[in-house]
Amino acid sequence: MRNNFWQILPIYSQFDITVIITEDVGKEATKLVKEEWSGLDGAFITKESGSTDLYLLWDGKGLETLVHELFHLVTYVMRFVQIPLIEETEEAYCYLQGWLFNKIWKLNV
């Protein structure tokens, strides 16, 4: 695992996702939101509602945590681009989550 590793992944030409892989997710989250966060394995953060600057923080360990936080990120993005989560759009959500997972997984190994 790379400690305190940052990478920006642009998607849909309007979002920048900053991926932070760190042993201390709470510390990095606290820096972003300016309030105390602790005891976290991962987090999805937007600094303000409607923001296109997104942050995904992960400790690089539990895959279930990464998948959990990715789902938050994917639903945020898809709502923003007005693609509702319904049966007809599930594949779009899945493809985005899978693409992001692969990008982030490659950063961590």
Protein backbone atom coordinates (compact mmCIF):
# COMPACT_ATOMS: atom_id res chain seq x y z
CA MET A 1 0.00 0.00 0.00
CA ARG A 2 1.18 3.50 -0.77
CA ASN A 3 0.81 5.83 2.18
CA ASN A 4 -0.68 9.26 1.51
CA PHE A 5 -0.89 8.68 -2.22
CA TRP A 6 -3.02 11.14 -4.23
CA GLN A 7 -4.28 10.68 -7.78
CA ILE A 8 -6.83 12.71 -9.75
CA LEU A 9 -9.17 10.79 -12.06
CA PRO A 10 -11.25 12.96 -14.42
CA ILE A 11 -14.63 11.52 -15.48
CA TYR A 12 -17.50 12.80 -17.61
CA SER A 13 -15.25 15.79 -18.44
CA GLN A 14 -16.70 17.71 -15.50
CA PHE A 15 -15.62 15.79 -12.42
CA ASP A 16 -12.23 15.51 -10.81
CA ILE A 17 -12.03 12.68 -8.33
CA THR A 18 -9.10 12.97 -5.98
CA VAL A 19 -8.23 9.52 -4.68
CA ILE A 20 -6.30 9.52 -1.42
CA ILE A 21 -4.86 6.24 -0.20
CA THR A 22 -3.65 6.71 3.35
CA GLU A 23 -3.26 4.82 6.60
CA ASP A 24 -5.02 7.66 8.46
CA VAL A 25 -8.26 8.33 6.60
CA GLY A 26 -9.66 10.33 9.51
CA LYS A 27 -6.72 12.75 9.50
CA GLU A 28 -6.97 13.39 5.76
CA ALA A 29 -10.78 13.72 5.93
CA THR A 30 -10.44 16.23 8.77
CA LYS A 31 -8.18 18.38 6.58
CA LEU A 32 -10.81 18.40 3.83
CA VAL A 33 -13.95 19.08 5.89
CA LYS A 34 -12.35 21.21 8.62
CA GLU A 35 -13.93 19.19 11.42
CA GLU A 36 -12.75 16.17 13.37
CA TRP A 37 -13.23 12.81 11.68
CA SER A 38 -11.61 9.68 13.10
CA GLY A 39 -11.78 5.92 13.07
CA LEU A 40 -12.47 5.64 9.34
CA ASP A 41 -11.44 3.00 6.82
CA GLY A 42 -12.75 5.10 3.93
CA ALA A 43 -14.81 8.14 3.02
CA PHE A 44 -16.45 9.88 0.08
CA ILE A 45 -16.40 13.67 0.45
CA THR A 46 -17.74 16.61 -1.49
CA LYS A 47 -16.90 20.01 -0.09
CA GLU A 48 -20.31 21.42 -0.99
CA SER A 49 -23.57 20.20 -2.46
CA GLY A 50 -23.42 20.15 -6.25
CA SER A 51 -19.62 20.24 -6.29
CA THR A 52 -17.70 18.53 -9.09
CA ASP A 53 -14.56 18.23 -6.93
CA LEU A 54 -14.90 14.83 -5.32
CA TYR A 55 -12.67 13.01 -2.85
CA LEU A 56 -12.44 9.30 -2.22
CA LEU A 57 -10.31 8.33 0.76
CA TRP A 58 -9.34 4.74 1.48
CA ASP A 59 -6.91 3.02 3.80
CA GLY A 60 -5.88 0.61 1.02
CA LYS A 61 -6.93 -2.47 2.96
CA GLY A 62 -10.54 -3.65 2.96
CA LEU A 63 -12.02 -4.09 -0.50
CA GLU A 64 -15.51 -3.93 1.00
CA THR A 65 -14.73 -0.40 2.17
CA LEU A 66 -13.53 0.64 -1.28
CA VAL A 67 -16.65 -0.81 -2.95
CA HIS A 68 -18.87 0.88 -0.34
CA GLU A 69 -17.32 4.32 -0.86
CA LEU A 70 -17.31 3.87 -4.64
CA PHE A 71 -21.05 3.27 -4.56
CA HIS A 72 -21.53 6.62 -2.80
CA LEU A 73 -19.32 8.30 -5.39
CA VAL A 74 -21.02 6.64 -8.37
CA THR A 75 -24.54 7.49 -7.17
CA TYR A 76 -23.48 11.11 -6.60
CA VAL A 77 -22.01 11.40 -10.11
CA MET A 78 -24.91 9.68 -11.82
CA ARG A 79 -27.50 11.84 -10.02
CA PHE A 80 -25.49 14.90 -11.01
CA VAL A 81 -25.57 13.92 -14.70
CA GLN A 82 -29.26 13.06 -14.29
CA ILE A 83 -29.08 9.31 -14.74
CA PRO A 84 -31.43 7.85 -12.10
CA LEU A 85 -30.75 4.46 -10.55
CA ILE A 86 -33.46 2.35 -12.15
CA GLU A 87 -33.42 -1.06 -13.79
CA GLU A 88 -32.71 0.38 -17.24
CA THR A 89 -29.62 2.30 -16.04
CA GLU A 90 -28.06 -0.27 -13.70
CA GLU A 91 -25.40 -1.21 -16.27
CA ALA A 92 -24.18 2.39 -16.52
CA TYR A 93 -23.74 2.48 -12.74
CA CYS A 94 -21.97 -0.89 -12.76
CA TYR A 95 -19.60 0.06 -15.57
CA LEU A 96 -18.63 3.31 -13.87
CA GLN A 97 -18.09 1.57 -10.53
CA GLY A 98 -16.04 -1.19 -12.18
CA TRP A 99 -13.92 1.29 -14.13
CA LEU A 100 -13.22 3.34 -11.01
CA PHE A 101 -12.46 0.24 -8.96
CA ASN A 102 -9.88 -0.94 -11.52
CA LYS A 103 -8.22 2.50 -11.67
CA ILE A 104 -7.98 2.74 -7.88
CA TRP A 105 -6.91 -0.88 -7.43
CA LYS A 106 -4.00 -0.31 -9.84
CA LEU A 107 -2.91 2.69 -7.75
CA ASN A 108 -2.79 0.55 -4.63
CA VAL A 109 -0.74 -2.40 -5.86
